[in-house]
PDB file of N, CA and C in Angstrom:
ATOM      1  N   UNK A   1     223.298 110.933 132.619  1.00  0.00           N
ATOM      2  CA  UNK A   1     224.719 111.097 132.432  1.00  0.00           C
ATOM      3  C   UNK A   1     225.148 110.405 131.131  1.00  0.00           C
ATOM      4  N   UNK A   2     225.854 111.121 130.280  1.00  0.00           N
ATOM      5  CA  UNK A   2     226.329 110.558 129.027  1.00  0.00           C
ATOM      6  C   UNK A   2     227.606 109.761 129.274  1.00  0.00           C
ATOM      7  N   UNK A   3     227.817 108.756 128.409  1.00  0.00           N
ATOM      8  CA  UNK A   3     228.971 107.894 128.568  1.00  0.00           C
ATOM      9  C   UNK A   3     229.686 107.767 127.220  1.00  0.00           C
ATOM     10  N   UNK A   4     230.984 108.024 127.215  1.00  0.00           N
ATOM     11  CA  UNK A   4     231.814 107.851 126.031  1.00  0.00           C
ATOM     12  C   UNK A   4     232.638 106.585 126.238  1.00  0.00           C
ATOM     13  N   UNK A   5     232.578 105.670 125.264  1.00  0.00           N
ATOM     14  CA  UNK A   5     233.332 104.423 125.383  1.00  0.00           C
ATOM     15  C   UNK A   5     234.099 104.142 124.102  1.00  0.00           C
ATOM     16  N   UNK A   6     235.152 103.384 124.244  1.00  0.00           N
ATOM     17  CA  UNK A   6     235.958 102.917 123.136  1.00  0.00           C
ATOM     18  C   UNK A   6     235.860 101.402 123.156  1.00  0.00           C
ATOM     19  N   UNK A   7     235.405 100.818 122.051  1.00  0.00           N
ATOM     20  CA  UNK A   7     235.200  99.367 122.001  1.00  0.00           C
ATOM     21  C   UNK A   7     235.920  98.788 120.787  1.00  0.00           C
ATOM     22  N   UNK A   8     236.271  97.524 120.885  1.00  0.00           N
ATOM     23  CA  UNK A   8     236.915  96.834 119.773  1.00  0.00           C
ATOM     24  C   UNK A   8     235.993  95.773 119.190  1.00  0.00           C
ATOM     25  N   UNK A   9     234.724  95.886 119.501  1.00  0.00           N
ATOM     26  CA  UNK A   9     233.711  95.008 118.918  1.00  0.00           C
ATOM     27  C   UNK A   9     232.451  95.843 118.695  1.00  0.00           C
ATOM     28  N   UNK A  10     231.525  95.288 117.932  1.00  0.00           N
ATOM     29  CA  UNK A  10     230.284  96.010 117.655  1.00  0.00           C
ATOM     30  C   UNK A  10     229.165  95.014 117.424  1.00  0.00           C
ATOM     31  N   UNK A  11     227.937  95.493 117.461  1.00  0.00           N
ATOM     32  CA  UNK A  11     226.778  94.644 117.201  1.00  0.00           C
ATOM     33  C   UNK A  11     226.154  95.007 115.852  1.00  0.00           C
ATOM     34  N   UNK A  12     227.014  95.412 114.899  1.00  0.00           N
ATOM     35  CA  UNK A  12     226.633  95.730 113.522  1.00  0.00           C
ATOM     36  C   UNK A  12     225.556  96.806 113.419  1.00  0.00           C
ATOM     37  N   UNK A  13     225.796  97.970 114.044  1.00  0.00           N
ATOM     38  CA  UNK A  13     224.791  99.037 113.951  1.00  0.00           C
ATOM     39  C   UNK A  13     224.735  99.628 112.549  1.00  0.00           C
ATOM     40  N   UNK A  14     223.649 100.256 112.240  1.00  0.00           N
ATOM     41  CA  UNK A  14     223.543 101.013 111.004  1.00  0.00           C
ATOM     42  C   UNK A  14     224.281 102.323 111.231  1.00  0.00           C
ATOM     43  N   UNK A  15     225.040 102.759 110.228  1.00  0.00           N
ATOM     44  CA  UNK A  15     225.787 103.998 110.393  1.00  0.00           C
ATOM     45  C   UNK A  15     225.818 104.774 109.079  1.00  0.00           C
ATOM     46  N   UNK A  16     226.104 106.051 109.199  1.00  0.00           N
ATOM     47  CA  UNK A  16     226.183 106.941 108.040  1.00  0.00           C
ATOM     48  C   UNK A  16     227.522 107.668 108.097  1.00  0.00           C
ATOM     49  N   UNK A  17     228.574 107.050 107.496  1.00  0.00           N
ATOM     50  CA  UNK A  17     229.891 107.704 107.496  1.00  0.00           C
ATOM     51  C   UNK A  17     229.851 109.048 106.786  1.00  0.00           C
ATOM     52  N   UNK A  18     230.790 109.907 107.143  1.00  0.00           N
ATOM     53  CA  UNK A  18     230.839 111.262 106.602  1.00  0.00           C
ATOM     54  C   UNK A  18     230.945 111.305 105.078  1.00  0.00           C
ATOM     55  N   UNK A  19     231.447 110.285 104.442  1.00  0.00           N
ATOM     56  CA  UNK A  19     231.635 110.282 102.993  1.00  0.00           C
ATOM     57  C   UNK A  19     230.497 109.618 102.200  1.00  0.00           C
ATOM     58  N   UNK A  20     229.478 109.090 102.894  1.00  0.00           N
ATOM     59  CA  UNK A  20     228.376 108.396 102.207  1.00  0.00           C
ATOM     60  C   UNK A  20     227.114 109.247 102.201  1.00  0.00           C
ATOM     61  N   UNK A  21     226.192 108.908 101.288  1.00  0.00           N
ATOM     62  CA  UNK A  21     224.904 109.590 101.210  1.00  0.00           C
ATOM     63  C   UNK A  21     223.792 108.806 101.893  1.00  0.00           C
ATOM     64  N   UNK A  22     223.996 107.518 102.102  1.00  0.00           N
ATOM     65  CA  UNK A  22     222.975 106.671 102.717  1.00  0.00           C
ATOM     66  C   UNK A  22     223.617 105.810 103.799  1.00  0.00           C
ATOM     67  N   UNK A  23     222.828 105.479 104.808  1.00  0.00           N
ATOM     68  CA  UNK A  23     223.349 104.642 105.884  1.00  0.00           C
ATOM     69  C   UNK A  23     223.420 103.184 105.432  1.00  0.00           C
ATOM     70  N   UNK A  24     224.261 102.447 106.111  1.00  0.00           N
ATOM     71  CA  UNK A  24     224.466 101.039 105.838  1.00  0.00           C
ATOM     72  C   UNK A  24     224.929 100.365 107.106  1.00  0.00           C
ATOM     73  N   UNK A  25     224.870  99.048 107.149  1.00  0.00           N
ATOM     74  CA  UNK A  25     225.360  98.342 108.331  1.00  0.00           C
ATOM     75  C   UNK A  25     226.875  98.517 108.424  1.00  0.00           C
ATOM     76  N   UNK A  26     227.373  98.547 109.634  1.00  0.00           N
ATOM     77  CA  UNK A  26     228.802  98.748 109.857  1.00  0.00           C
ATOM     78  C   UNK A  26     229.609  97.666 109.154  1.00  0.00           C
ATOM     79  N   UNK A  27     229.134  96.439 109.191  1.00  0.00           N
ATOM     80  CA  UNK A  27     229.838  95.342 108.527  1.00  0.00           C
ATOM     81  C   UNK A  27     230.032  95.650 107.038  1.00  0.00           C
ATOM     82  N   UNK A  28     228.992  96.125 106.373  1.00  0.00           N
ATOM     83  CA  UNK A  28     229.073  96.457 104.948  1.00  0.00           C
ATOM     84  C   UNK A  28     230.008  97.633 104.692  1.00  0.00           C
ATOM     85  N   UNK A  29     229.984  98.629 105.571  1.00  0.00           N
ATOM     86  CA  UNK A  29     230.867  99.791 105.421  1.00  0.00           C
ATOM     87  C   UNK A  29     232.322  99.342 105.532  1.00  0.00           C
ATOM     88  N   UNK A  30     232.628  98.471 106.491  1.00  0.00           N
ATOM     89  CA  UNK A  30     233.992  97.981 106.646  1.00  0.00           C
ATOM     90  C   UNK A  30     234.423  97.165 105.434  1.00  0.00           C
ATOM     91  N   UNK A  31     233.494  96.412 104.837  1.00  0.00           N
ATOM     92  CA  UNK A  31     233.790  95.676 103.611  1.00  0.00           C
ATOM     93  C   UNK A  31     234.068  96.645 102.461  1.00  0.00           C
ATOM     94  N   UNK A  32     233.262  97.713 102.339  1.00  0.00           N
ATOM     95  CA  UNK A  32     233.468  98.728 101.298  1.00  0.00           C
ATOM     96  C   UNK A  32     234.855  99.356 101.392  1.00  0.00           C
ATOM     97  N   UNK A  33     235.346  99.500 102.615  1.00  0.00           N
ATOM     98  CA  UNK A  33     236.651 100.108 102.836  1.00  0.00           C
ATOM     99  C   UNK A  33     237.800  99.119 102.623  1.00  0.00           C
ATOM    100  N   UNK A  34     237.454  97.886 102.233  1.00  0.00           N
ATOM    101  CA  UNK A  34     238.446  96.834 101.976  1.00  0.00           C
ATOM    102  C   UNK A  34     239.346  96.554 103.172  1.00  0.00           C
ATOM    103  N   UNK A  35     238.752  96.584 104.351  1.00  0.00           N
ATOM    104  CA  UNK A  35     239.489  96.269 105.584  1.00  0.00           C
ATOM    105  C   UNK A  35     239.427  94.755 105.776  1.00  0.00           C
ATOM    106  N   UNK A  36     240.573  94.085 105.850  1.00  0.00           N
ATOM    107  CA  UNK A  36     240.564  92.629 106.034  1.00  0.00           C
ATOM    108  C   UNK A  36     239.825  92.228 107.310  1.00  0.00           C
ATOM    109  N   UNK A  37     239.205  91.080 107.274  1.00  0.00           N
ATOM    110  CA  UNK A  37     238.419  90.583 108.406  1.00  0.00           C
ATOM    111  C   UNK A  37     239.225  90.577 109.695  1.00  0.00           C
ATOM    112  N   UNK A  38     240.478  90.124 109.635  1.00  0.00           N
ATOM    113  CA  UNK A  38     241.302  90.035 110.845  1.00  0.00           C
ATOM    114  C   UNK A  38     241.571  91.412 111.443  1.00  0.00           C
ATOM    115  N   UNK A  39     241.656  92.439 110.582  1.00  0.00           N
ATOM    116  CA  UNK A  39     241.968  93.788 111.064  1.00  0.00           C
ATOM    117  C   UNK A  39     240.745  94.459 111.697  1.00  0.00           C
ATOM    118  N   UNK A  40     239.561  94.047 111.319  1.00  0.00           N
ATOM    119  CA  UNK A  40     238.333  94.667 111.845  1.00  0.00           C
ATOM    120  C   UNK A  40     238.204  94.512 113.349  1.00  0.00           C
ATOM    121  N   UNK A  41     238.790  93.460 113.889  1.00  0.00           N
ATOM    122  CA  UNK A  41     238.736  93.227 115.340  1.00  0.00           C
ATOM    123  C   UNK A  41     239.710  94.116 116.095  1.00  0.00           C
ATOM    124  N   UNK A  42     240.542  94.843 115.364  1.00  0.00           N
ATOM    125  CA  UNK A  42     241.537  95.725 115.984  1.00  0.00           C
ATOM    126  C   UNK A  42     241.187  97.196 115.825  1.00  0.00           C
ATOM    127  N   UNK A  43     240.070  97.475 115.206  1.00  0.00           N
ATOM    128  CA  UNK A  43     239.652  98.868 114.994  1.00  0.00           C
ATOM    129  C   UNK A  43     238.960  99.376 116.257  1.00  0.00           C
ATOM    130  N   UNK A  44     239.397 100.506 116.797  1.00  0.00           N
ATOM    131  CA  UNK A  44     238.696 101.084 117.943  1.00  0.00           C
ATOM    132  C   UNK A  44     237.450 101.841 117.464  1.00  0.00           C
ATOM    133  N   UNK A  45     236.312 101.509 118.032  1.00  0.00           N
ATOM    134  CA  UNK A  45     235.048 102.165 117.701  1.00  0.00           C
ATOM    135  C   UNK A  45     234.674 103.080 118.858  1.00  0.00           C
ATOM    136  N   UNK A  46     234.436 104.341 118.549  1.00  0.00           N
ATOM    137  CA  UNK A  46     234.070 105.327 119.558  1.00  0.00           C
ATOM    138  C   UNK A  46     232.554 105.421 119.630  1.00  0.00           C
ATOM    139  N   UNK A  47     232.015 105.304 120.838  1.00  0.00           N
ATOM    140  CA  UNK A  47     230.570 105.379 121.068  1.00  0.00           C
ATOM    141  C   UNK A  47     230.254 106.520 122.021  1.00  0.00           C
ATOM    142  N   UNK A  48     229.130 107.162 121.791  1.00  0.00           N
ATOM    143  CA  UNK A  48     228.590 108.159 122.709  1.00  0.00           C
ATOM    144  C   UNK A  48     227.283 107.572 123.207  1.00  0.00           C
ATOM    145  N   UNK A  49     227.200 107.294 124.477  1.00  0.00           N
ATOM    146  CA  UNK A  49     226.171 106.433 125.040  1.00  0.00           C
ATOM    147  C   UNK A  49     226.283 105.120 124.263  1.00  0.00           C
ATOM    148  N   UNK A  50     225.269 104.668 123.588  1.00  0.00           N
ATOM    149  CA  UNK A  50     225.399 103.434 122.806  1.00  0.00           C
ATOM    150  C   UNK A  50     225.291 103.702 121.309  1.00  0.00           C
ATOM    151  N   UNK A  51     225.583 104.923 120.894  1.00  0.00           N
ATOM    152  CA  UNK A  51     225.520 105.288 119.479  1.00  0.00           C
ATOM    153  C   UNK A  51     226.927 105.400 118.902  1.00  0.00           C
ATOM    154  N   UNK A  52     227.138 104.728 117.762  1.00  0.00           N
ATOM    155  CA  UNK A  52     228.443 104.764 117.114  1.00  0.00           C
ATOM    156  C   UNK A  52     228.758 106.168 116.633  1.00  0.00           C
ATOM    157  N   UNK A  53     229.939 106.669 116.977  1.00  0.00           N
ATOM    158  CA  UNK A  53     230.402 107.998 116.575  1.00  0.00           C
ATOM    159  C   UNK A  53     231.435 107.884 115.471  1.00  0.00           C
ATOM    160  N   UNK A  54     232.379 106.943 115.622  1.00  0.00           N
ATOM    161  CA  UNK A  54     233.461 106.833 114.645  1.00  0.00           C
ATOM    162  C   UNK A  54     234.145 105.481 114.712  1.00  0.00           C
ATOM    163  N   UNK A  55     234.712 105.101 113.576  1.00  0.00           N
ATOM    164  CA  UNK A  55     235.664 104.001 113.504  1.00  0.00           C
ATOM    165  C   UNK A  55     237.002 104.719 113.402  1.00  0.00           C
ATOM    166  N   UNK A  56     237.749 104.753 114.489  1.00  0.00           N
ATOM    167  CA  UNK A  56     238.956 105.562 114.573  1.00  0.00           C
ATOM    168  C   UNK A  56     239.926 105.201 113.433  1.00  0.00           C
ATOM    169  N   UNK A  57     240.344 106.232 112.708  1.00  0.00           N
ATOM    170  CA  UNK A  57     241.265 106.050 111.598  1.00  0.00           C
ATOM    171  C   UNK A  57     240.590 105.800 110.264  1.00  0.00           C
ATOM    172  N   UNK A  58     239.239 105.652 110.274  1.00  0.00           N
ATOM    173  CA  UNK A  58     238.537 105.337 109.034  1.00  0.00           C
ATOM    174  C   UNK A  58     237.414 106.313 108.701  1.00  0.00           C
ATOM    175  N   UNK A  59     236.545 106.595 109.654  1.00  0.00           N
ATOM    176  CA  UNK A  59     235.457 107.529 109.374  1.00  0.00           C
ATOM    177  C   UNK A  59     234.816 108.038 110.654  1.00  0.00           C
ATOM    178  N   UNK A  60     234.085 109.137 110.500  1.00  0.00           N
ATOM    179  CA  UNK A  60     233.250 109.715 111.559  1.00  0.00           C
ATOM    180  C   UNK A  60     231.829 109.685 111.022  1.00  0.00           C
ATOM    181  N   UNK A  61     230.876 109.334 111.854  1.00  0.00           N
ATOM    182  CA  UNK A  61     229.480 109.345 111.430  1.00  0.00           C
ATOM    183  C   UNK A  61     229.022 110.791 111.229  1.00  0.00           C
ATOM    184  N   UNK A  62     228.206 111.029 110.209  1.00  0.00           N
ATOM    185  CA  UNK A  62     227.814 112.386 109.825  1.00  0.00           C
ATOM    186  C   UNK A  62     227.235 113.207 110.963  1.00  0.00           C
ATOM    187  N   UNK A  63     226.479 112.592 111.848  1.00  0.00           N
ATOM    188  CA  UNK A  63     225.869 113.342 112.949  1.00  0.00           C
ATOM    189  C   UNK A  63     226.919 113.934 113.896  1.00  0.00           C
ATOM    190  N   UNK A  64     228.152 113.429 113.821  1.00  0.00           N
ATOM    191  CA  UNK A  64     229.203 113.893 114.730  1.00  0.00           C
ATOM    192  C   UNK A  64     230.329 114.638 114.021  1.00  0.00           C
ATOM    193  N   UNK A  65     230.141 114.949 112.760  1.00  0.00           N
ATOM    194  CA  UNK A  65     231.146 115.732 112.037  1.00  0.00           C
ATOM    195  C   UNK A  65     231.124 117.156 112.578  1.00  0.00           C
ATOM    196  N   UNK A  66     232.295 117.677 112.830  1.00  0.00           N
ATOM    197  CA  UNK A  66     232.442 119.005 113.417  1.00  0.00           C
ATOM    198  C   UNK A  66     231.911 120.101 112.491  1.00  0.00           C
ATOM    199  N   UNK A  67     231.116 120.982 113.050  1.00  0.00           N
ATOM    200  CA  UNK A  67     230.670 122.183 112.350  1.00  0.00           C
ATOM    201  C   UNK A  67     231.550 123.323 112.845  1.00  0.00           C
ATOM    202  N   UNK A  68     231.899 124.240 111.981  1.00  0.00           N
ATOM    203  CA  UNK A  68     232.845 125.299 112.327  1.00  0.00           C
ATOM    204  C   UNK A  68     232.452 126.097 113.569  1.00  0.00           C
ATOM    205  N   UNK A  69     231.172 126.299 113.792  1.00  0.00           N
ATOM    206  CA  UNK A  69     230.728 127.137 114.899  1.00  0.00           C
ATOM    207  C   UNK A  69     230.636 126.390 116.234  1.00  0.00           C
ATOM    208  N   UNK A  70     230.885 125.090 116.238  1.00  0.00           N
ATOM    209  CA  UNK A  70     230.735 124.296 117.452  1.00  0.00           C
ATOM    210  C   UNK A  70     232.060 124.135 118.197  1.00  0.00           C
ATOM    211  N   UNK A  71     232.006 124.099 119.529  1.00  0.00           N
ATOM    212  CA  UNK A  71     233.230 123.800 120.281  1.00  0.00           C
ATOM    213  C   UNK A  71     233.627 122.353 120.004  1.00  0.00           C
ATOM    214  N   UNK A  72     234.905 122.055 120.094  1.00  0.00           N
ATOM    215  CA  UNK A  72     235.344 120.711 119.742  1.00  0.00           C
ATOM    216  C   UNK A  72     236.416 120.190 120.690  1.00  0.00           C
ATOM    217  N   UNK A  73     236.643 118.906 120.570  1.00  0.00           N
ATOM    218  CA  UNK A  73     237.677 118.211 121.306  1.00  0.00           C
ATOM    219  C   UNK A  73     238.464 117.423 120.274  1.00  0.00           C
ATOM    220  N   UNK A  74     239.767 117.586 120.236  1.00  0.00           N
ATOM    221  CA  UNK A  74     240.612 116.886 119.273  1.00  0.00           C
ATOM    222  C   UNK A  74     241.343 115.762 119.993  1.00  0.00           C
ATOM    223  N   UNK A  75     241.183 114.534 119.491  1.00  0.00           N
ATOM    224  CA  UNK A  75     241.836 113.382 120.078  1.00  0.00           C
ATOM    225  C   UNK A  75     242.758 112.769 119.028  1.00  0.00           C
ATOM    226  N   UNK A  76     244.000 112.505 119.400  1.00  0.00           N
ATOM    227  CA  UNK A  76     244.946 111.874 118.501  1.00  0.00           C
ATOM    228  C   UNK A  76     245.167 110.446 118.954  1.00  0.00           C
ATOM    229  N   UNK A  77     244.998 109.504 118.017  1.00  0.00           N
ATOM    230  CA  UNK A  77     245.160 108.096 118.334  1.00  0.00           C
ATOM    231  C   UNK A  77     246.525 107.656 117.809  1.00  0.00           C
ATOM    232  N   UNK A  78     247.370 107.172 118.676  1.00  0.00           N
ATOM    233  CA  UNK A  78     248.690 106.680 118.276  1.00  0.00           C
ATOM    234  C   UNK A  78     248.831 105.230 118.688  1.00  0.00           C
ATOM    235  N   UNK A  79     249.292 104.415 117.750  1.00  0.00           N
ATOM    236  CA  UNK A  79     249.453 102.996 118.094  1.00  0.00           C
ATOM    237  C   UNK A  79     250.904 102.606 118.136  1.00  0.00           C
TER     238      UNK A  79
END
């Protein structure tokens, strides 16, 4: 059974955001995006099983970017 979770912490996984060509640690990606340290604890991270899918509002990992021919689910995050 697959599990989708939303977390506000992470264990610094390696990730490949949709806008990058090479993977990097999540901590480094958040630094590249100039997100202040205090704000990083407020970012919702979407996981599928235990694999990072997205940092909501910032990026989606390439493996989960929607392809036109695939069925999809659209989620809107409002704070």
